[in-house]
PDB file of N, CA and C in Angstrom:
ATOM      1  N   UNK A   1       0.836  -1.179   0.000  1.00  0.00           N
ATOM      2  CA  UNK A   1       0.000   0.000   0.000  1.00  0.00           C
ATOM      3  C   UNK A   1       0.878   1.239   0.000  1.00  0.00           C
ATOM      4  N   UNK A   2       0.404   2.270  -0.632  1.00  0.00           N
ATOM      5  CA  UNK A   2       1.098   3.545  -0.590  1.00  0.00           C
ATOM      6  C   UNK A   2       0.173   4.567   0.039  1.00  0.00           C
ATOM      7  N   UNK A   3       0.717   5.417   0.867  1.00  0.00           N
ATOM      8  CA  UNK A   3      -0.083   6.433   1.532  1.00  0.00           C
ATOM      9  C   UNK A   3       0.369   7.802   1.063  1.00  0.00           C
ATOM     10  N   UNK A   4      -0.588   8.632   0.708  1.00  0.00           N
ATOM     11  CA  UNK A   4      -0.279   9.974   0.233  1.00  0.00           C
ATOM     12  C   UNK A   4      -0.212  10.943   1.411  1.00  0.00           C
ATOM     13  N   UNK A   5       0.494  12.037   1.234  1.00  0.00           N
ATOM     14  CA  UNK A   5       0.570  13.089   2.247  1.00  0.00           C
ATOM     15  C   UNK A   5      -0.555  14.091   2.016  1.00  0.00           C
ATOM     16  N   UNK A   6      -0.904  14.807   3.073  1.00  0.00           N
ATOM     17  CA  UNK A   6      -1.961  15.810   2.977  1.00  0.00           C
ATOM     18  C   UNK A   6      -1.365  17.159   2.596  1.00  0.00           C
ATOM     19  N   UNK A   7      -2.121  17.950   1.829  1.00  0.00           N
ATOM     20  CA  UNK A   7      -1.675  19.271   1.388  1.00  0.00           C
ATOM     21  C   UNK A   7      -2.646  20.328   1.896  1.00  0.00           C
ATOM     22  N   UNK A   8      -2.225  21.587   1.940  1.00  0.00           N
ATOM     23  CA  UNK A   8      -3.128  22.658   2.367  1.00  0.00           C
ATOM     24  C   UNK A   8      -4.364  22.727   1.469  1.00  0.00           C
ATOM     25  N   UNK A   9      -5.480  23.182   2.027  1.00  0.00           N
ATOM     26  CA  UNK A   9      -6.743  23.184   1.291  1.00  0.00           C
ATOM     27  C   UNK A   9      -6.720  24.086   0.063  1.00  0.00           C
ATOM     28  N   UNK A  10      -5.980  25.188   0.078  1.00  0.00           N
ATOM     29  CA  UNK A  10      -5.967  26.056  -1.106  1.00  0.00           C
ATOM     30  C   UNK A  10      -5.341  25.358  -2.302  1.00  0.00           C
ATOM     31  N   UNK A  11      -4.508  24.372  -2.063  1.00  0.00           N
ATOM     32  CA  UNK A  11      -3.878  23.608  -3.131  1.00  0.00           C
ATOM     33  C   UNK A  11      -4.819  22.538  -3.694  1.00  0.00           C
ATOM     34  N   UNK A  12      -5.759  22.078  -2.887  1.00  0.00           N
ATOM     35  CA  UNK A  12      -6.614  20.966  -3.272  1.00  0.00           C
ATOM     36  C   UNK A  12      -7.633  21.338  -4.341  1.00  0.00           C
ATOM     37  N   UNK A  13      -8.024  22.590  -4.415  1.00  0.00           N
ATOM     38  CA  UNK A  13      -9.051  23.005  -5.365  1.00  0.00           C
ATOM     39  C   UNK A  13      -8.620  22.775  -6.810  1.00  0.00           C
ATOM     40  N   UNK A  14      -7.346  22.689  -7.077  1.00  0.00           N
ATOM     41  CA  UNK A  14      -6.851  22.507  -8.432  1.00  0.00           C
ATOM     42  C   UNK A  14      -6.771  21.037  -8.839  1.00  0.00           C
ATOM     43  N   UNK A  15      -6.880  20.130  -7.870  1.00  0.00           N
ATOM     44  CA  UNK A  15      -6.726  18.702  -8.129  1.00  0.00           C
ATOM     45  C   UNK A  15      -8.068  18.041  -8.431  1.00  0.00           C
ATOM     46  N   UNK A  16      -8.080  17.057  -9.326  1.00  0.00           N
ATOM     47  CA  UNK A  16      -9.313  16.293  -9.562  1.00  0.00           C
ATOM     48  C   UNK A  16      -9.622  15.427  -8.344  1.00  0.00           C
ATOM     49  N   UNK A  17     -10.899  15.109  -8.163  1.00  0.00           N
ATOM     50  CA  UNK A  17     -11.315  14.274  -7.046  1.00  0.00           C
ATOM     51  C   UNK A  17     -11.452  12.829  -7.495  1.00  0.00           C
ATOM     52  N   UNK A  18     -11.197  11.900  -6.574  1.00  0.00           N
ATOM     53  CA  UNK A  18     -11.283  10.467  -6.834  1.00  0.00           C
ATOM     54  C   UNK A  18     -12.305   9.890  -5.864  1.00  0.00           C
ATOM     55  N   UNK A  19     -13.133   8.951  -6.331  1.00  0.00           N
ATOM     56  CA  UNK A  19     -14.155   8.337  -5.481  1.00  0.00           C
ATOM     57  C   UNK A  19     -13.577   7.181  -4.677  1.00  0.00           C
ATOM     58  N   UNK A  20     -13.931   7.136  -3.393  1.00  0.00           N
ATOM     59  CA  UNK A  20     -13.565   6.021  -2.520  1.00  0.00           C
ATOM     60  C   UNK A  20     -14.613   4.927  -2.703  1.00  0.00           C
ATOM     61  N   UNK A  21     -14.165   3.690  -2.920  1.00  0.00           N
ATOM     62  CA  UNK A  21     -15.082   2.569  -3.135  1.00  0.00           C
ATOM     63  C   UNK A  21     -15.716   2.071  -1.841  1.00  0.00           C
ATOM     64  N   UNK A  22     -15.239   2.531  -0.695  1.00  0.00           N
ATOM     65  CA  UNK A  22     -15.823   2.109   0.581  1.00  0.00           C
ATOM     66  C   UNK A  22     -16.897   3.079   1.061  1.00  0.00           C
ATOM     67  N   UNK A  23     -16.585   4.370   1.128  1.00  0.00           N
ATOM     68  CA  UNK A  23     -17.551   5.349   1.648  1.00  0.00           C
ATOM     69  C   UNK A  23     -18.263   6.122   0.544  1.00  0.00           C
ATOM     70  N   UNK A  24     -17.800   5.967  -0.692  1.00  0.00           N
ATOM     71  CA  UNK A  24     -18.348   6.654  -1.868  1.00  0.00           C
ATOM     72  C   UNK A  24     -18.141   8.163  -1.832  1.00  0.00           C
ATOM     73  N   UNK A  25     -17.271   8.635  -0.943  1.00  0.00           N
ATOM     74  CA  UNK A  25     -16.923  10.046  -0.907  1.00  0.00           C
ATOM     75  C   UNK A  25     -15.913  10.366  -1.992  1.00  0.00           C
ATOM     76  N   UNK A  26     -15.778  11.655  -2.299  1.00  0.00           N
ATOM     77  CA  UNK A  26     -14.803  12.097  -3.295  1.00  0.00           C
ATOM     78  C   UNK A  26     -13.707  12.893  -2.600  1.00  0.00           C
ATOM     79  N   UNK A  27     -12.454  12.511  -2.880  1.00  0.00           N
ATOM     80  CA  UNK A  27     -11.305  13.098  -2.206  1.00  0.00           C
ATOM     81  C   UNK A  27     -10.189  13.376  -3.205  1.00  0.00           C
ATOM     82  N   UNK A  28      -9.291  14.329  -2.879  1.00  0.00           N
ATOM     83  CA  UNK A  28      -8.100  14.531  -3.710  1.00  0.00           C
ATOM     84  C   UNK A  28      -7.232  13.278  -3.659  1.00  0.00           C
ATOM     85  N   UNK A  29      -6.517  13.024  -4.716  1.00  0.00           N
ATOM     86  CA  UNK A  29      -5.685  11.819  -4.812  1.00  0.00           C
ATOM     87  C   UNK A  29      -4.673  11.739  -3.667  1.00  0.00           C
ATOM     88  N   UNK A  30      -4.274  12.872  -3.119  1.00  0.00           N
ATOM     89  CA  UNK A  30      -3.311  12.890  -2.020  1.00  0.00           C
ATOM     90  C   UNK A  30      -3.877  12.283  -0.742  1.00  0.00           C
ATOM     91  N   UNK A  31      -5.193  12.166  -0.639  1.00  0.00           N
ATOM     92  CA  UNK A  31      -5.825  11.595   0.549  1.00  0.00           C
ATOM     93  C   UNK A  31      -6.270  10.156   0.307  1.00  0.00           C
ATOM     94  N   UNK A  32      -5.760   9.555  -0.759  1.00  0.00           N
ATOM     95  CA  UNK A  32      -6.142   8.201  -1.134  1.00  0.00           C
ATOM     96  C   UNK A  32      -4.963   7.244  -0.965  1.00  0.00           C
ATOM     97  N   UNK A  33      -5.297   5.957  -0.802  1.00  0.00           N
ATOM     98  CA  UNK A  33      -4.295   4.894  -0.711  1.00  0.00           C
ATOM     99  C   UNK A  33      -4.601   3.874  -1.794  1.00  0.00           C
ATOM    100  N   UNK A  34      -3.576   3.446  -2.517  1.00  0.00           N
ATOM    101  CA  UNK A  34      -3.734   2.449  -3.574  1.00  0.00           C
ATOM    102  C   UNK A  34      -3.145   1.125  -3.107  1.00  0.00           C
ATOM    103  N   UNK A  35      -3.899   0.043  -3.290  1.00  0.00           N
ATOM    104  CA  UNK A  35      -3.406  -1.296  -2.972  1.00  0.00           C
ATOM    105  C   UNK A  35      -2.615  -1.781  -4.182  1.00  0.00           C
ATOM    106  N   UNK A  36      -1.353  -2.089  -3.971  1.00  0.00           N
ATOM    107  CA  UNK A  36      -0.442  -2.408  -5.073  1.00  0.00           C
ATOM    108  C   UNK A  36      -0.874  -3.634  -5.881  1.00  0.00           C
ATOM    109  N   UNK A  37      -1.383  -4.670  -5.223  1.00  0.00           N
ATOM    110  CA  UNK A  37      -1.710  -5.919  -5.908  1.00  0.00           C
ATOM    111  C   UNK A  37      -2.841  -5.763  -6.924  1.00  0.00           C
ATOM    112  N   UNK A  38      -3.842  -4.938  -6.612  1.00  0.00           N
ATOM    113  CA  UNK A  38      -5.014  -4.840  -7.498  1.00  0.00           C
ATOM    114  C   UNK A  38      -5.245  -3.434  -8.042  1.00  0.00           C
ATOM    115  N   UNK A  39      -4.466  -2.468  -7.585  1.00  0.00           N
ATOM    116  CA  UNK A  39      -4.597  -1.071  -7.989  1.00  0.00           C
ATOM    117  C   UNK A  39      -5.931  -0.449  -7.563  1.00  0.00           C
ATOM    118  N   UNK A  40      -6.613  -1.054  -6.569  1.00  0.00           N
ATOM    119  CA  UNK A  40      -7.836  -0.457  -6.017  1.00  0.00           C
ATOM    120  C   UNK A  40      -7.435   0.762  -5.198  1.00  0.00           C
ATOM    121  N   UNK A  41      -8.279   1.794  -5.221  1.00  0.00           N
ATOM    122  CA  UNK A  41      -7.961   3.027  -4.516  1.00  0.00           C
ATOM    123  C   UNK A  41      -9.096   3.365  -3.550  1.00  0.00           C
ATOM    124  N   UNK A  42      -8.713   3.691  -2.313  1.00  0.00           N
ATOM    125  CA  UNK A  42      -9.658   4.022  -1.251  1.00  0.00           C
ATOM    126  C   UNK A  42      -9.139   5.238  -0.506  1.00  0.00           C
ATOM    127  N   UNK A  43     -10.047   5.988   0.154  1.00  0.00           N
ATOM    128  CA  UNK A  43      -9.541   7.077   0.987  1.00  0.00           C
ATOM    129  C   UNK A  43      -8.774   6.434   2.144  1.00  0.00           C
ATOM    130  N   UNK A  44      -7.705   7.054   2.542  1.00  0.00           N
ATOM    131  CA  UNK A  44      -6.809   6.490   3.542  1.00  0.00           C
ATOM    132  C   UNK A  44      -7.535   6.240   4.859  1.00  0.00           C
ATOM    133  N   UNK A  45      -8.426   7.135   5.260  1.00  0.00           N
ATOM    134  CA  UNK A  45      -9.158   6.965   6.509  1.00  0.00           C
ATOM    135  C   UNK A  45     -10.039   5.716   6.472  1.00  0.00           C
ATOM    136  N   UNK A  46     -10.781   5.504   5.396  1.00  0.00           N
ATOM    137  CA  UNK A  46     -11.627   4.310   5.269  1.00  0.00           C
ATOM    138  C   UNK A  46     -10.793   3.039   5.289  1.00  0.00           C
ATOM    139  N   UNK A  47      -9.723   3.022   4.544  1.00  0.00           N
ATOM    140  CA  UNK A  47      -8.897   1.821   4.461  1.00  0.00           C
ATOM    141  C   UNK A  47      -8.277   1.501   5.816  1.00  0.00           C
ATOM    142  N   UNK A  48      -7.835   2.528   6.523  1.00  0.00           N
ATOM    143  CA  UNK A  48      -7.264   2.325   7.853  1.00  0.00           C
ATOM    144  C   UNK A  48      -8.311   1.734   8.795  1.00  0.00           C
ATOM    145  N   UNK A  49      -9.521   2.285   8.790  1.00  0.00           N
ATOM    146  CA  UNK A  49     -10.588   1.772   9.652  1.00  0.00           C
ATOM    147  C   UNK A  49     -10.963   0.346   9.260  1.00  0.00           C
ATOM    148  N   UNK A  50     -11.012   0.060   7.986  1.00  0.00           N
ATOM    149  CA  UNK A  50     -11.354  -1.276   7.502  1.00  0.00           C
ATOM    150  C   UNK A  50     -10.337  -2.314   7.984  1.00  0.00           C
ATOM    151  N   UNK A  51      -9.065  -1.991   7.849  1.00  0.00           N
ATOM    152  CA  UNK A  51      -8.007  -2.912   8.270  1.00  0.00           C
ATOM    153  C   UNK A  51      -8.029  -3.095   9.789  1.00  0.00           C
ATOM    154  N   UNK A  52      -8.269  -2.018  10.539  1.00  0.00           N
ATOM    155  CA  UNK A  52      -8.331  -2.123  12.000  1.00  0.00           C
ATOM    156  C   UNK A  52      -9.464  -3.043  12.439  1.00  0.00           C
ATOM    157  N   UNK A  53     -10.585  -3.038  11.740  1.00  0.00           N
ATOM    158  CA  UNK A  53     -11.713  -3.907  12.081  1.00  0.00           C
ATOM    159  C   UNK A  53     -11.398  -5.372  11.806  1.00  0.00           C
ATOM    160  N   UNK A  54     -10.569  -5.628  10.800  1.00  0.00           N
ATOM    161  CA  UNK A  54     -10.216  -7.001  10.454  1.00  0.00           C
ATOM    162  C   UNK A  54      -9.249  -7.637  11.449  1.00  0.00           C
ATOM    163  N   UNK A  55      -8.497  -6.809  12.137  1.00  0.00           N
ATOM    164  CA  UNK A  55      -7.465  -7.329  13.052  1.00  0.00           C
ATOM    165  C   UNK A  55      -8.058  -7.681  14.397  1.00  0.00           C
TER     166      UNK A  55
END
C-alpha cells in the first residue's frame, strides 16, 4: 500500500477528485491509498478503519 501526504486546502481546489469505493466520498488523490496488488484506490481513513476492524 502507498499512503499519500496531505496538502493545504488552497492547493486541493486545483486537483481532480477520486471516489472512494468504501464510503463513496470524493477526495483529492493525495488523501487516497492504492493497494499495489489490485490497484484499487480508497480514501486512507476508510482503508485504515477497515483494516483495524479485520485485526
